[in-house]
């Protein structure tokens, strides 16, 4: 009986941990959508961890997101299509779709971020 109870507790805590992770991704995706549609890429950049901030400088990142906005228009939706170490989301825009590959750290900071052709 004790083993069964312990097993159930472990499963419950694992489920709670995964749910929290999913909510962090949802919050981050909503922030990305909002920042993209408001033409405010620095809001996304602020969520990067230090390593990614050093890799993707704010000026270059802003320029690439602005160019993407000009070509694709506003972002309307996103959908998770592949989940590994990084999560892959299909992003729908006014003028097409793109793939976003993203990974969050446990503190919610963005450790990996890439938008590319699908």
Protein backbone atom coordinates (compact mmCIF):
# COMPACT_ATOMS: atom_id res chain seq x y z
CA UNK A 1 0.00 0.00 0.00
CA UNK A 2 2.83 2.37 0.91
CA UNK A 3 4.54 1.72 -2.44
CA UNK A 4 1.31 2.45 -4.31
CA UNK A 5 0.80 5.70 -2.42
CA UNK A 6 4.42 6.77 -3.04
CA UNK A 7 4.08 5.94 -6.74
CA UNK A 8 0.91 7.99 -7.03
CA UNK A 9 2.59 10.95 -5.34
CA UNK A 10 5.53 10.78 -7.73
CA UNK A 11 3.19 10.69 -10.74
CA UNK A 12 1.19 13.61 -9.38
CA UNK A 13 4.30 15.77 -8.86
CA UNK A 14 5.65 14.92 -12.31
CA UNK A 15 2.31 15.91 -13.85
CA UNK A 16 2.33 19.19 -11.90
CA UNK A 17 5.89 19.94 -13.06
CA UNK A 18 4.97 19.32 -16.73
CA UNK A 19 1.86 21.50 -16.40
CA UNK A 20 3.94 24.33 -15.00
CA UNK A 21 6.39 24.00 -17.89
CA UNK A 22 3.53 24.09 -20.41
CA UNK A 23 2.14 27.24 -18.80
CA UNK A 24 5.58 28.89 -19.01
CA UNK A 25 5.68 28.12 -22.72
CA UNK A 26 2.15 29.46 -23.19
CA UNK A 27 3.06 32.68 -21.36
CA UNK A 28 6.21 33.06 -23.44
CA UNK A 29 4.38 32.39 -26.72
CA UNK A 30 1.73 34.96 -25.83
CA UNK A 31 4.49 37.47 -25.04
CA UNK A 32 6.22 36.71 -28.37
CA UNK A 33 2.93 37.15 -30.27
CA UNK A 34 2.12 40.41 -28.47
CA UNK A 35 5.63 41.84 -28.90
CA UNK A 36 5.75 40.80 -32.55
CA UNK A 37 2.37 42.31 -33.40
CA UNK A 38 3.18 45.52 -31.51
CA UNK A 39 6.53 45.76 -33.33
CA UNK A 40 8.41 45.59 -30.01
CA UNK A 41 11.12 42.90 -30.46
CA UNK A 42 13.13 44.24 -27.52
CA UNK A 43 10.38 42.85 -25.26
CA UNK A 44 11.21 39.37 -26.57
CA UNK A 45 14.95 40.01 -26.30
CA UNK A 46 14.56 40.94 -22.61
CA UNK A 47 13.31 37.39 -21.97
CA UNK A 48 16.52 35.82 -23.35
CA UNK A 49 19.02 34.30 -20.94
CA UNK A 50 22.46 35.95 -20.81
CA UNK A 51 24.08 33.51 -23.23
CA UNK A 52 21.41 34.10 -25.88
CA UNK A 53 21.51 37.88 -25.33
CA UNK A 54 25.24 37.75 -26.06
CA UNK A 55 24.68 35.61 -29.15
CA UNK A 56 21.75 37.62 -30.55
CA UNK A 57 22.44 41.29 -30.00
CA UNK A 58 19.34 43.45 -29.58
CA UNK A 59 19.97 45.65 -32.65
CA UNK A 60 20.42 42.70 -35.02
CA UNK A 61 17.50 40.84 -33.46
CA UNK A 62 15.24 43.89 -33.82
CA UNK A 63 16.24 44.29 -37.46
CA UNK A 64 15.44 40.66 -38.29
CA UNK A 65 12.07 40.73 -36.48
CA UNK A 66 11.12 44.03 -38.15
CA UNK A 67 11.96 42.52 -41.55
CA UNK A 68 9.93 39.43 -40.72
CA UNK A 69 6.96 41.63 -39.77
CA UNK A 70 7.19 43.50 -43.08
CA UNK A 71 7.18 40.23 -45.03
CA UNK A 72 4.69 38.14 -43.07
CA UNK A 73 2.40 40.66 -41.36
CA UNK A 74 0.86 40.11 -37.94
CA UNK A 75 1.00 36.78 -36.13
CA UNK A 76 -2.42 35.23 -35.67
CA UNK A 77 -1.76 31.91 -33.94
CA UNK A 78 0.75 29.25 -32.94
CA UNK A 79 0.54 25.50 -32.55
CA UNK A 80 2.95 23.02 -30.98
CA UNK A 81 3.96 20.50 -33.64
CA UNK A 82 7.05 18.81 -32.19
CA UNK A 83 8.32 18.50 -28.66
CA UNK A 84 11.87 17.40 -27.95
CA UNK A 85 14.57 19.27 -26.02
CA UNK A 86 13.44 22.32 -27.99
CA UNK A 87 9.78 22.85 -28.80
CA UNK A 88 8.73 23.50 -32.40
CA UNK A 89 5.72 25.71 -33.02
CA UNK A 90 4.00 26.46 -36.29
CA UNK A 91 3.37 30.21 -36.39
CA UNK A 92 0.59 31.51 -38.62
CA UNK A 93 0.86 35.03 -40.03
CA UNK A 94 -1.23 37.13 -42.39
CA UNK A 95 1.07 36.16 -45.27
CA UNK A 96 2.18 32.61 -44.51
CA UNK A 97 3.51 30.31 -41.84
CA UNK A 98 6.90 29.85 -40.21
CA UNK A 99 8.48 27.47 -37.72
CA UNK A 100 9.68 28.71 -34.34
CA UNK A 101 12.11 26.58 -32.36
CA UNK A 102 12.30 27.61 -28.71
CA UNK A 103 13.64 26.25 -25.41
CA UNK A 104 13.02 27.70 -21.98
CA UNK A 105 15.19 27.34 -18.92
CA UNK A 106 13.63 26.34 -15.60
CA UNK A 107 13.44 30.03 -14.60
CA UNK A 108 11.37 30.81 -17.72
CA UNK A 109 14.16 32.61 -19.59
CA UNK A 110 14.53 31.81 -23.29
CA UNK A 111 17.65 29.70 -23.86
CA UNK A 112 17.11 29.02 -27.57
CA UNK A 113 15.07 30.97 -30.13
CA UNK A 114 14.89 30.63 -33.89
CA UNK A 115 12.25 31.44 -36.49
CA UNK A 116 12.70 29.81 -39.87
CA UNK A 117 10.87 28.54 -42.95
CA UNK A 118 8.60 25.58 -42.39
